[in-house]
């Protein structure tokens, strides 16, 4: 689709290894979007970021907020952030995901 370069990420060595094997032309980084940005990404921005079926698996609210900040920082002004989430009226927490409610949470 005309991309000059592609950077992929995963949060485990196994996932990143598989990315590198399958897409050797891409840069693959080990990175957990819910953690602080690594130094190698501190001054990088992307034209487009795809983050599908990821954010609702971040169970900790502080890590979720960090992920949102990271995605904002990594998306250049005028760029595209494509993501999926399961917004529901009220927050539902399970062992594997958090369906974040549309109503603000007060803690």
Protein backbone atom coordinates (compact mmCIF):
# COMPACT_ATOMS: atom_id res chain seq x y z
CA UNK A 1 0.00 0.00 0.00
CA UNK A 2 2.98 2.27 -0.47
CA UNK A 3 4.53 2.04 2.99
CA UNK A 4 8.21 2.91 2.90
CA UNK A 5 8.87 1.08 6.16
CA UNK A 6 6.95 -1.00 8.66
CA UNK A 7 7.65 -1.35 12.36
CA UNK A 8 5.95 -4.12 14.30
CA UNK A 9 5.94 -4.81 18.01
CA UNK A 10 5.17 -7.57 20.43
CA UNK A 11 5.58 -7.80 24.17
CA UNK A 12 7.30 -11.20 24.29
CA UNK A 13 10.55 -12.45 22.78
CA UNK A 14 8.64 -15.30 21.12
CA UNK A 15 6.17 -12.95 19.42
CA UNK A 16 8.93 -10.64 18.22
CA UNK A 17 10.96 -13.60 16.96
CA UNK A 18 7.97 -14.81 14.95
CA UNK A 19 7.43 -11.32 13.54
CA UNK A 20 11.08 -11.11 12.47
CA UNK A 21 10.96 -14.55 10.86
CA UNK A 22 7.72 -13.90 8.99
CA UNK A 23 8.43 -10.27 8.01
CA UNK A 24 12.21 -9.90 7.68
CA UNK A 25 11.83 -6.60 5.80
CA UNK A 26 10.09 -5.00 8.81
CA UNK A 27 11.60 -3.73 12.03
CA UNK A 28 10.28 -5.77 14.98
CA UNK A 29 10.58 -4.40 18.51
CA UNK A 30 9.90 -5.98 21.87
CA UNK A 31 7.62 -3.43 23.48
CA UNK A 32 4.73 -3.50 25.94
CA UNK A 33 2.44 -0.59 25.04
CA UNK A 34 1.31 -0.36 28.69
CA UNK A 35 4.84 0.43 29.90
CA UNK A 36 6.91 3.59 29.48
CA UNK A 37 8.24 4.15 25.99
CA UNK A 38 11.64 2.54 25.46
CA UNK A 39 14.54 4.85 24.57
CA UNK A 40 14.52 3.60 20.95
CA UNK A 41 10.99 5.04 20.54
CA UNK A 42 11.43 8.24 22.57
CA UNK A 43 11.68 10.51 19.51
CA UNK A 44 9.90 8.39 16.88
CA UNK A 45 6.48 9.03 15.41
CA UNK A 46 4.52 7.00 12.89
CA UNK A 47 2.14 7.98 10.11
CA UNK A 48 -0.20 5.13 11.03
CA UNK A 49 -0.50 2.79 13.99
CA UNK A 50 -2.69 -0.30 14.16
CA UNK A 51 -3.57 -1.60 17.61
CA UNK A 52 -6.36 -4.15 17.17
CA UNK A 53 -7.50 -6.53 19.93
CA UNK A 54 -4.81 -5.32 22.34
CA UNK A 55 -6.00 -2.61 24.71
CA UNK A 56 -8.85 -4.53 26.33
CA UNK A 57 -6.31 -7.13 27.46
CA UNK A 58 -4.56 -4.52 29.62
CA UNK A 59 -6.17 -5.24 32.98
CA UNK A 60 -4.53 -2.49 35.04
CA UNK A 61 -6.12 0.94 34.54
CA UNK A 62 -2.84 2.84 35.03
CA UNK A 63 -1.15 0.69 32.36
CA UNK A 64 -4.16 1.25 30.07
CA UNK A 65 -3.79 5.02 30.51
CA UNK A 66 -0.05 4.71 29.80
CA UNK A 67 -0.87 2.78 26.62
CA UNK A 68 -3.20 5.55 25.45
CA UNK A 69 -0.51 8.17 26.18
CA UNK A 70 2.07 6.08 24.29
CA UNK A 71 -0.17 5.71 21.26
CA UNK A 72 -0.82 9.45 21.26
CA UNK A 73 2.91 10.18 21.49
CA UNK A 74 3.81 7.69 18.75
CA UNK A 75 1.18 8.92 16.25
CA UNK A 76 2.39 11.93 14.31
CA UNK A 77 0.14 14.98 14.04
CA UNK A 78 -2.25 14.26 11.18
CA UNK A 79 -1.47 10.54 11.39
CA UNK A 80 -3.86 7.65 11.92
CA UNK A 81 -4.43 5.53 15.00
CA UNK A 82 -6.51 2.46 14.22
CA UNK A 83 -7.62 0.42 17.20
CA UNK A 84 -10.46 -1.74 18.40
CA UNK A 85 -12.10 -1.86 21.80
CA UNK A 86 -15.34 -3.18 23.27
CA UNK A 87 -16.87 -0.09 24.83
CA UNK A 88 -19.93 -1.04 26.85
CA UNK A 89 -22.27 1.02 29.08
CA UNK A 90 -20.68 -0.24 32.33
CA UNK A 91 -17.17 -1.62 32.88
CA UNK A 92 -16.91 -5.40 32.95
CA UNK A 93 -13.71 -6.99 34.31
CA UNK A 94 -12.72 -10.60 33.66
CA UNK A 95 -9.46 -12.50 34.19
CA UNK A 96 -8.45 -11.90 30.57
CA UNK A 97 -9.86 -8.53 29.61
CA UNK A 98 -11.53 -5.33 30.72
CA UNK A 99 -14.48 -4.08 28.73
CA UNK A 100 -14.26 -0.42 29.67
CA UNK A 101 -17.54 1.35 30.18
CA UNK A 102 -18.54 4.56 28.51
CA UNK A 103 -19.39 6.10 31.90
CA UNK A 104 -16.43 7.72 33.71
CA UNK A 105 -14.95 5.67 36.56
CA UNK A 106 -14.71 7.31 39.97
CA UNK A 107 -12.22 5.70 42.35
